[in-house]
Amino acid sequence: MPAERSTRAWLAALAVAVLAIGAAVAARPDPADRNQSPTPPPSSIAASSQPVAPAFIPAADAIAAAATSEGKRSARTQLSLPREPGVWPGTNGLSGVNGYPVLNSASVRTFCTGRGRACNVAQTYTDRSTYESMTRGTGWTFEFFADFDGVLVVSQGLVPDGGEDLLGDCAAGDYDAHWRDFGSLMVENGRGDSVVRLGWEMNESTMGWRGLNTADYLACYRRAADALRSTNPAVVLDWTINAHNSPAALCGGLSTNCYPGDAYADIIGIDNYDHHPWSPTKADFDRTAARPEGLDWLFAFAQQHGKLFSVGEWGIMPTADAGRDNPDFISWMHDWFAAHATHLAYEAYFQRCDGTASQSSILRPADPKCLPNTASSSRYRSLYTP
């Protein structure tokens, strides 16, 4: 990306475009191999009353620091605070949204004002036109949230979009300098202590870094993580899958085959939408959650590995197989968050509406591009308003 194309106006337009680049949630077809039955990890691991992942810093220090501006922005501080069991978000739960229609703090505040509760986490994306634009050239990602006093979550690919052929080069270390520069950029912008969803949704067929070659994905992820940490040791790495399905060609048909190892993930997470399959009943929701690639299934995997859990993207999807608004999905997700609160690192609703591709947005009744999703908007507001 040419360096001279760095004006605020252009970046604002780019931020809107990144939603389309980064989300990969639009109208995903029902995969032909959905009936596969890969062997899941044990799914009946009881949650203890305390988080299984070790605290990032002593809890007493976290409580003392949490009220300061620096503490509010520190992922490690906020993740070390105790969560109230059975309540979400409660006093210390991290709950928020991505910016829409622009990936910036103003869009996040608009959403959170509409729901009646301030957001303490914002989820955003880098531009992935080139390695340059997604690493050392992505300062705008942090500038757009310079005034956000909360935890920043950055979804970061491993190669540029369409860069499938570069994954092996990444695995060989050809781009380590770019990842070191990305770590330095985070620190320079005062966001070193943030969450990075590195190489997320590698089991989704539209991602440039998808696990077509599991060994290359794993080696690339580890090289990027090591280089990023070398200049930004405070970064919190979140390894996130796409819910409900792993095509046979990706990660050998099972997302956890692409897990890089406990040394390379601070959080294990999932992006979970109400589609393919959608949940018309609570029984359907529970059944999908228990199946391979589901909420409960991956949560059990996170428990096995002593990691906190995240839901970095979630939402209704009325243009997918549901074909309608589904406020009950909002309730079931909120109930799930409350039931797993002591282990939940954060959750972020995903806002997007761009015609027929995606209509997950809520709380946007005046936007002519968005379906009203009135029932889900009302349900969400009722659950999140203190």
Protein backbone atom coordinates (compact mmCIF):
# COMPACT_ATOMS: atom_id res chain seq x y z
CA MET A 1 0.00 0.00 0.00
CA PRO A 2 1.60 3.34 -0.98
CA ALA A 3 2.73 5.32 2.04
CA GLU A 4 1.34 8.56 0.68
CA ARG A 5 -2.23 7.22 0.84
CA SER A 6 -2.51 7.95 4.53
CA THR A 7 -5.03 10.73 4.90
CA ARG A 8 -7.73 10.48 7.54
CA ALA A 9 -10.48 10.51 4.93
CA TRP A 10 -8.97 7.61 3.04
CA LEU A 11 -8.41 5.68 6.26
CA ALA A 12 -12.03 6.17 7.25
CA ALA A 13 -13.13 4.68 3.95
CA LEU A 14 -10.63 1.88 4.38
CA ALA A 15 -11.97 1.14 7.84
CA VAL A 16 -15.40 0.51 6.39
CA ALA A 17 -13.91 -1.76 3.73
CA VAL A 18 -11.99 -3.74 6.32
CA LEU A 19 -15.28 -4.99 7.72
CA ALA A 20 -15.87 -6.78 4.46
CA ILE A 21 -12.26 -7.98 4.31
CA GLY A 22 -11.96 -9.10 7.88
CA ALA A 23 -15.26 -10.59 8.90
CA ALA A 24 -15.71 -13.55 6.56
CA VAL A 25 -19.14 -14.13 8.06
CA ALA A 26 -21.34 -13.32 5.10
CA ALA A 27 -23.75 -15.96 3.89
CA ARG A 28 -21.44 -18.91 4.26
CA PRO A 29 -22.76 -21.88 2.31
CA ASP A 30 -23.73 -24.98 4.22
CA PRO A 31 -20.64 -27.18 3.70
CA ALA A 32 -21.09 -30.44 1.87
CA ASP A 33 -19.08 -32.29 4.49
CA ARG A 34 -21.15 -31.08 7.46
CA ASN A 35 -22.07 -34.66 8.34
CA GLN A 36 -18.45 -35.55 9.10
CA SER A 37 -17.91 -36.83 12.61
CA PRO A 38 -14.32 -36.08 13.64
CA THR A 39 -13.45 -37.31 17.11
CA PRO A 40 -14.07 -34.49 19.59
CA PRO A 41 -12.21 -33.91 22.83
CA PRO A 42 -14.06 -34.86 26.01
CA SER A 43 -17.10 -32.59 26.30
CA SER A 44 -18.06 -33.16 29.92
CA ILE A 45 -15.36 -31.24 31.75
CA ALA A 46 -16.91 -29.54 34.77
CA ALA A 47 -16.10 -25.86 35.23
CA SER A 48 -14.47 -25.10 38.55
CA SER A 49 -15.39 -22.05 40.61
CA GLN A 50 -12.09 -20.37 39.71
CA PRO A 51 -10.53 -19.70 36.29
CA VAL A 52 -8.29 -22.58 35.22
CA ALA A 53 -5.92 -20.24 33.40
CA PRO A 54 -3.34 -18.66 35.70
CA ALA A 55 -3.81 -14.95 36.34
CA PHE A 56 -1.72 -12.71 34.14
CA ILE A 57 -0.84 -10.55 37.16
CA PRO A 58 -1.73 -10.96 40.85
CA ALA A 59 -5.43 -10.28 41.38
CA ALA A 60 -4.78 -7.73 44.13
CA ASP A 61 -2.52 -5.73 41.81
CA ALA A 62 -5.13 -5.96 39.05
CA ILE A 63 -7.89 -4.63 41.29
CA ALA A 64 -5.73 -1.70 42.33
CA ALA A 65 -4.75 -0.88 38.74
CA ALA A 66 -8.07 -1.56 37.00
CA ALA A 67 -9.64 1.85 37.67
CA THR A 68 -6.78 3.83 36.14
CA SER A 69 -6.78 4.78 32.45
CA GLU A 70 -3.77 2.55 31.85
CA GLY A 71 -5.41 -0.30 33.75
CA LYS A 72 -8.63 0.00 31.76
CA ARG A 73 -6.62 -0.38 28.54
CA SER A 74 -4.48 -3.26 29.83
CA ALA A 75 -5.69 -6.67 28.67
CA ARG A 76 -3.53 -8.41 31.27
CA THR A 77 -4.93 -6.27 34.08
CA GLN A 78 -8.54 -6.71 33.04
CA LEU A 79 -8.20 -10.46 32.41
CA SER A 80 -6.78 -10.88 35.92
CA LEU A 81 -9.90 -9.48 37.58
CA PRO A 82 -12.35 -12.00 39.09
CA ARG A 83 -15.63 -12.54 37.24
CA GLU A 84 -18.90 -13.07 39.07
CA PRO A 85 -20.17 -16.63 38.50
CA GLY A 86 -23.60 -16.83 36.90
CA VAL A 87 -23.66 -13.15 35.85
CA TRP A 88 -22.67 -11.39 32.63
CA PRO A 89 -20.97 -9.03 32.22
CA GLY A 90 -21.24 -8.19 35.88
CA THR A 91 -18.62 -5.89 37.41
CA ASN A 92 -15.50 -7.10 35.60
CA GLY A 93 -16.63 -8.97 32.47
CA LEU A 94 -15.20 -7.67 29.18
CA SER A 95 -18.04 -7.06 26.75
CA GLY A 96 -18.15 -4.99 23.58
CA VAL A 97 -18.42 -4.79 19.82
CA ASN A 98 -16.51 -4.06 16.62
CA GLY A 99 -16.82 -0.59 15.15
CA TYR A 100 -19.55 -0.17 12.53
CA PRO A 101 -19.88 1.50 10.07
CA VAL A 102 -16.31 2.68 10.79
CA LEU A 103 -13.73 0.76 12.79
CA ASN A 104 -13.27 3.46 15.41
CA SER A 105 -14.12 4.36 18.98
CA ALA A 106 -17.02 6.64 17.97
CA SER A 107 -18.86 3.71 16.35
CA VAL A 108 -18.24 1.55 19.40
CA ARG A 109 -19.58 4.26 21.72
CA THR A 110 -22.71 4.66 19.58
CA PHE A 111 -23.48 0.96 19.88
CA CYS A 112 -22.80 0.88 23.60
CA THR A 113 -24.91 3.95 24.27
CA GLY A 114 -27.72 2.20 22.42
CA ARG A 115 -27.46 -0.91 24.55
CA GLY A 116 -27.39 1.12 27.77
CA ARG A 117 -24.00 -0.10 29.02
CA ALA A 118 -20.52 1.17 28.22
CA CYS A 119 -18.22 -1.20 26.35
CA ASN A 120 -14.87 -2.08 27.89
CA VAL A 121 -13.60 -4.01 24.86
CA ALA A 122 -13.49 -3.06 21.17
CA GLN A 123 -12.75 -5.52 18.38
CA THR A 124 -11.06 -4.29 15.19
CA TYR A 125 -9.12 -5.43 12.11
CA THR A 126 -6.06 -4.51 10.10
CA ASP A 127 -6.03 -3.91 6.35
CA ARG A 128 -4.61 -6.98 4.60
CA SER A 129 -3.78 -5.78 1.11
CA THR A 130 -0.05 -6.45 1.61
CA TYR A 131 2.28 -7.58 4.38
CA GLU A 132 3.30 -3.93 4.72
CA SER A 133 -0.28 -2.69 5.23
CA MET A 134 -1.17 -5.39 7.76
CA THR A 135 1.92 -5.00 9.96
CA ARG A 136 4.22 -1.98 10.01
CA GLY A 137 1.75 0.11 7.96
CA THR A 138 -1.35 -0.34 10.12
CA GLY A 139 -0.90 2.55 12.53
CA TRP A 140 -4.40 3.81 11.69
CA THR A 141 -5.82 0.73 13.46
CA PHE A 142 -4.55 2.13 16.75
CA GLU A 143 -5.06 5.81 15.93
CA PHE A 144 -8.79 5.19 15.40
CA PHE A 145 -9.02 3.94 19.00
CA ALA A 146 -6.59 6.37 20.61
CA ASP A 147 -9.36 7.76 22.84
CA PHE A 148 -10.88 4.38 23.78
CA ASP A 149 -10.37 3.63 27.47
CA GLY A 150 -10.85 -0.10 27.20
CA VAL A 151 -9.16 -3.27 25.97
CA LEU A 152 -8.43 -3.41 22.24
CA VAL A 153 -8.75 -6.71 20.37
CA VAL A 154 -7.04 -6.76 16.97
CA SER A 155 -7.92 -9.48 14.45
CA GLN A 156 -4.72 -10.03 12.51
CA GLY A 157 -4.20 -12.39 9.58
CA LEU A 158 -1.00 -14.31 8.97
CA VAL A 159 -0.70 -13.46 5.28
CA PRO A 160 -2.44 -10.84 3.11
CA ASP A 161 -5.80 -11.70 1.59
CA GLY A 162 -5.25 -13.96 -1.38
CA GLY A 163 -1.76 -14.76 -0.09
CA GLU A 164 -2.18 -18.51 0.32
CA ASP A 165 1.11 -19.13 -1.48
CA LEU A 166 2.96 -17.01 1.09
CA LEU A 167 2.14 -19.19 4.09
CA GLY A 168 5.14 -21.43 3.48
CA ASP A 169 7.43 -18.39 3.22
CA CYS A 170 6.00 -17.13 6.51
CA ALA A 171 6.68 -20.54 8.02
CA ALA A 172 10.28 -20.24 6.87
CA GLY A 173 10.64 -16.88 8.65
CA ASP A 174 10.69 -14.64 5.56
CA TYR A 175 8.32 -12.13 7.21
CA ASP A 176 9.67 -12.13 10.76
CA ALA A 177 10.84 -8.52 10.39
CA HIS A 178 7.27 -7.45 9.56
CA TRP A 179 5.97 -9.13 12.71
CA ARG A 180 8.66 -7.52 14.84
CA ASP A 181 7.62 -4.17 13.39
CA PHE A 182 3.97 -4.88 14.18
CA GLY A 183 4.90 -5.53 17.81
CA SER A 184 6.87 -2.29 17.92
CA LEU A 185 3.95 -0.41 16.37
CA MET A 186 1.59 -1.67 19.08
CA VAL A 187 3.98 -0.49 21.79
CA GLU A 188 4.58 2.90 20.13
CA ASN A 189 0.83 3.50 20.06
CA GLY A 190 0.39 2.59 23.72
CA ARG A 191 -1.44 -0.64 22.86
CA GLY A 192 1.21 -3.25 23.53
CA ASP A 193 -0.93 -4.82 26.25
CA SER A 194 -3.77 -5.70 23.88
CA VAL A 195 -5.30 -8.91 22.54
CA VAL A 196 -4.30 -10.08 19.03
CA ARG A 197 -6.44 -12.73 17.37
CA LEU A 198 -3.53 -14.03 15.32
CA GLY A 199 -4.41 -16.14 12.26
CA TRP A 200 -8.01 -16.44 13.41
CA GLU A 201 -10.63 -18.66 11.70
CA MET A 202 -7.98 -20.76 9.98
CA ASN A 203 -10.70 -23.39 9.50
CA GLU A 204 -12.81 -21.01 7.35
CA SER A 205 -12.53 -21.44 3.60
CA THR A 206 -12.23 -17.73 2.66
CA MET A 207 -9.21 -16.92 4.84
CA GLY A 208 -5.89 -16.45 3.04
CA TRP A 209 -4.08 -18.19 5.91
CA ARG A 210 -6.55 -21.09 6.11
CA GLY A 211 -5.05 -24.41 7.10
CA LEU A 212 -4.70 -25.97 3.67
CA ASN A 213 -1.30 -27.16 4.87
CA THR A 214 -1.51 -27.70 8.60
CA ALA A 215 2.26 -27.81 9.08
CA ASP A 216 2.72 -24.49 7.27
CA TYR A 217 -0.08 -22.84 9.25
CA LEU A 218 1.41 -23.97 12.55
CA ALA A 219 4.95 -22.95 11.63
CA CYS A 220 3.80 -19.55 10.31
CA TYR A 221 1.71 -18.88 13.42
CA ARG A 222 4.62 -19.75 15.72
CA ARG A 223 7.13 -17.67 13.75
CA ALA A 224 4.76 -14.67 13.78
CA ALA A 225 4.04 -15.11 17.50
CA ASP A 226 7.71 -15.34 18.43
CA ALA A 227 8.66 -12.31 16.35
CA LEU A 228 5.71 -10.27 17.65
CA ARG A 229 6.53 -11.12 21.25
CA SER A 230 10.20 -10.25 20.73
CA THR A 231 9.28 -6.56 20.43
CA ASN A 232 6.01 -6.64 22.38
CA PRO A 233 6.20 -9.18 25.20
CA ALA A 234 2.95 -7.86 26.74
CA VAL A 235 0.77 -8.93 23.79
CA VAL A 236 -2.05 -11.38 24.61
CA LEU A 237 -2.48 -13.99 21.88
CA ASP A 238 -5.97 -15.33 21.16
CA TRP A 239 -6.24 -18.45 18.96
CA THR A 240 -9.78 -18.44 17.52
CA ILE A 241 -11.72 -20.85 15.30
CA ASN A 242 -14.83 -20.49 13.14
CA ALA A 243 -17.76 -22.30 14.75
CA HIS A 244 -19.77 -25.23 13.46
CA ASN A 245 -17.58 -26.68 10.74
CA SER A 246 -14.06 -27.43 9.52
CA PRO A 247 -13.98 -28.51 5.87
CA ALA A 248 -12.04 -31.71 5.27
CA ALA A 249 -9.37 -29.79 3.34
CA LEU A 250 -8.59 -27.45 6.25
CA CYS A 251 -6.66 -28.54 9.35
CA GLY A 252 -7.39 -32.15 8.41
CA GLY A 253 -11.10 -31.59 9.01
CA LEU A 254 -10.70 -30.60 12.66
CA SER A 255 -9.83 -27.09 13.82
CA THR A 256 -7.86 -28.20 16.85
CA ASN A 257 -5.33 -29.91 14.56
CA CYS A 258 -4.20 -26.33 13.89
CA TYR A 259 -3.78 -25.47 17.58
CA PRO A 260 -0.23 -24.07 17.85
CA GLY A 261 0.37 -25.27 21.41
CA ASP A 262 -0.09 -23.86 24.89
CA ALA A 263 3.07 -21.75 24.67
CA TYR A 264 1.58 -19.84 21.72
CA ALA A 265 -1.93 -19.06 22.96
CA ASP A 266 -3.02 -17.09 26.01
CA ILE A 267 -6.72 -17.43 25.11
CA ILE A 268 -8.68 -19.97 23.04
CA GLY A 269 -11.72 -18.56 21.28
CA ILE A 270 -14.56 -19.05 18.82
CA ASP A 271 -16.61 -16.94 16.38
CA ASN A 272 -20.18 -18.13 16.81
CA TYR A 273 -23.11 -17.00 14.64
CA ASP A 274 -26.68 -18.21 14.37
CA HIS A 275 -26.26 -19.90 11.01
CA HIS A 276 -25.31 -23.17 9.34
CA PRO A 277 -27.00 -24.46 11.39
CA TRP A 278 -29.26 -21.85 12.95
CA SER A 279 -30.98 -22.54 16.28
CA PRO A 280 -34.78 -22.42 16.16
CA THR A 281 -35.00 -24.01 19.64
CA LYS A 282 -32.89 -24.23 22.78
CA ALA A 283 -32.41 -27.93 22.09
CA ASP A 284 -30.94 -27.06 18.70
CA PHE A 285 -28.66 -24.47 20.29
CA ASP A 286 -27.42 -26.97 22.87
CA ARG A 287 -26.93 -29.69 20.29
CA THR A 288 -24.87 -27.41 18.03
CA ALA A 289 -22.82 -26.20 21.00
CA ALA A 290 -21.96 -29.78 21.96
CA ARG A 291 -20.97 -30.91 18.47
CA PRO A 292 -17.41 -30.67 17.12
CA GLU A 293 -16.53 -27.00 16.45
CA GLY A 294 -19.28 -25.84 18.83
CA LEU A 295 -19.20 -23.57 21.88
CA ASP A 296 -19.21 -26.31 24.52
CA TRP A 297 -16.85 -28.51 22.51
CA LEU A 298 -14.18 -25.82 22.19
CA PHE A 299 -14.71 -24.59 25.73
CA ALA A 300 -13.87 -28.11 26.92
CA PHE A 301 -10.71 -27.98 24.81
CA ALA A 302 -9.76 -24.64 26.40
CA GLN A 303 -10.34 -26.10 29.87
CA GLN A 304 -8.10 -29.06 29.03
CA HIS A 305 -5.33 -26.63 28.10
CA GLY A 306 -5.80 -24.29 31.05
CA LYS A 307 -6.82 -21.32 28.90
CA LEU A 308 -9.42 -18.61 29.27
CA PHE A 309 -12.09 -18.59 26.57
CA SER A 310 -13.33 -15.86 24.22
CA VAL A 311 -16.17 -15.27 21.79
CA GLY A 312 -14.62 -12.58 19.62
CA GLU A 313 -17.50 -12.45 17.15
CA TRP A 314 -21.11 -13.51 17.60
CA GLY A 315 -24.51 -12.47 16.34
CA ILE A 316 -27.76 -13.27 14.63
CA MET A 317 -27.68 -13.92 10.88
CA PRO A 318 -31.18 -13.44 9.44
CA THR A 319 -29.97 -13.59 5.82
CA ALA A 320 -28.49 -17.07 6.28
CA ASP A 321 -30.37 -20.34 6.81
CA ALA A 322 -32.45 -18.83 9.64
CA GLY A 323 -34.09 -16.40 7.24
CA ARG A 324 -35.40 -14.26 10.07
CA ASP A 325 -34.63 -12.38 13.25
CA ASN A 326 -33.93 -14.65 16.21
CA PRO A 327 -33.95 -12.88 19.60
CA ASP A 328 -33.83 -16.21 21.43
CA PHE A 329 -30.30 -16.72 20.11
CA ILE A 330 -29.33 -13.47 21.86
CA SER A 331 -30.77 -14.82 25.12
CA TRP A 332 -29.11 -18.22 24.79
CA MET A 333 -25.73 -16.67 24.10
CA HIS A 334 -26.09 -14.32 27.07
CA ASP A 335 -27.07 -17.23 29.30
CA TRP A 336 -24.03 -19.14 28.05
CA PHE A 337 -21.76 -16.20 28.88
CA ALA A 338 -23.21 -15.99 32.39
CA ALA A 339 -22.83 -19.73 32.97
CA HIS A 340 -19.17 -19.57 31.91
CA ALA A 341 -18.36 -16.12 33.27
CA THR A 342 -15.45 -17.14 35.50
CA HIS A 343 -13.60 -18.52 32.46
CA LEU A 344 -14.73 -16.00 29.82
CA ALA A 345 -11.98 -13.59 28.77
CA TYR A 346 -14.29 -11.38 26.68
CA GLU A 347 -17.12 -11.36 24.14
CA ALA A 348 -17.82 -8.92 21.32
CA TYR A 349 -21.00 -8.68 19.30
CA PHE A 350 -20.39 -8.32 15.55
CA GLN A 351 -22.06 -5.39 13.79
CA ARG A 352 -22.37 -5.47 10.02
CA CYS A 353 -25.06 -4.84 7.43
CA ASP A 354 -24.31 -4.61 3.74
CA GLY A 355 -27.25 -5.75 1.69
CA THR A 356 -27.76 -9.47 1.30
CA ALA A 357 -24.30 -10.52 2.51
CA SER A 358 -24.65 -9.93 6.22
CA GLN A 359 -27.33 -8.49 8.44
CA SER A 360 -26.06 -9.19 11.93
CA SER A 361 -26.43 -5.58 13.08
CA ILE A 362 -28.70 -4.63 15.94
CA LEU A 363 -29.56 -1.29 17.55
CA ARG A 364 -29.48 0.49 14.15
CA PRO A 365 -33.15 1.28 13.37
CA ALA A 366 -32.30 4.44 11.39
CA ASP A 367 -29.80 2.78 9.01
CA PRO A 368 -31.58 2.05 5.69
CA LYS A 369 -28.95 -0.59 4.77
CA CYS A 370 -29.72 -2.64 7.88
CA LEU A 371 -32.61 -4.95 8.58
CA PRO A 372 -34.30 -3.62 11.72
CA ASN A 373 -33.85 -6.88 13.69
CA THR A 374 -36.20 -5.24 16.14
CA ALA A 375 -36.79 -8.20 18.39
CA SER A 376 -33.08 -9.02 18.75
CA SER A 377 -32.26 -5.36 19.39
CA SER A 378 -34.85 -5.18 22.15
CA ARG A 379 -33.72 -8.46 23.70
CA TYR A 380 -30.05 -7.48 23.64
CA ARG A 381 -30.77 -4.11 25.23
CA SER A 382 -32.87 -5.68 27.97
CA LEU A 383 -30.09 -8.15 28.84
CA TYR A 384 -27.18 -5.69 28.82
CA THR A 385 -28.74 -2.61 30.40
CA PRO A 386 -27.70 -2.59 34.08
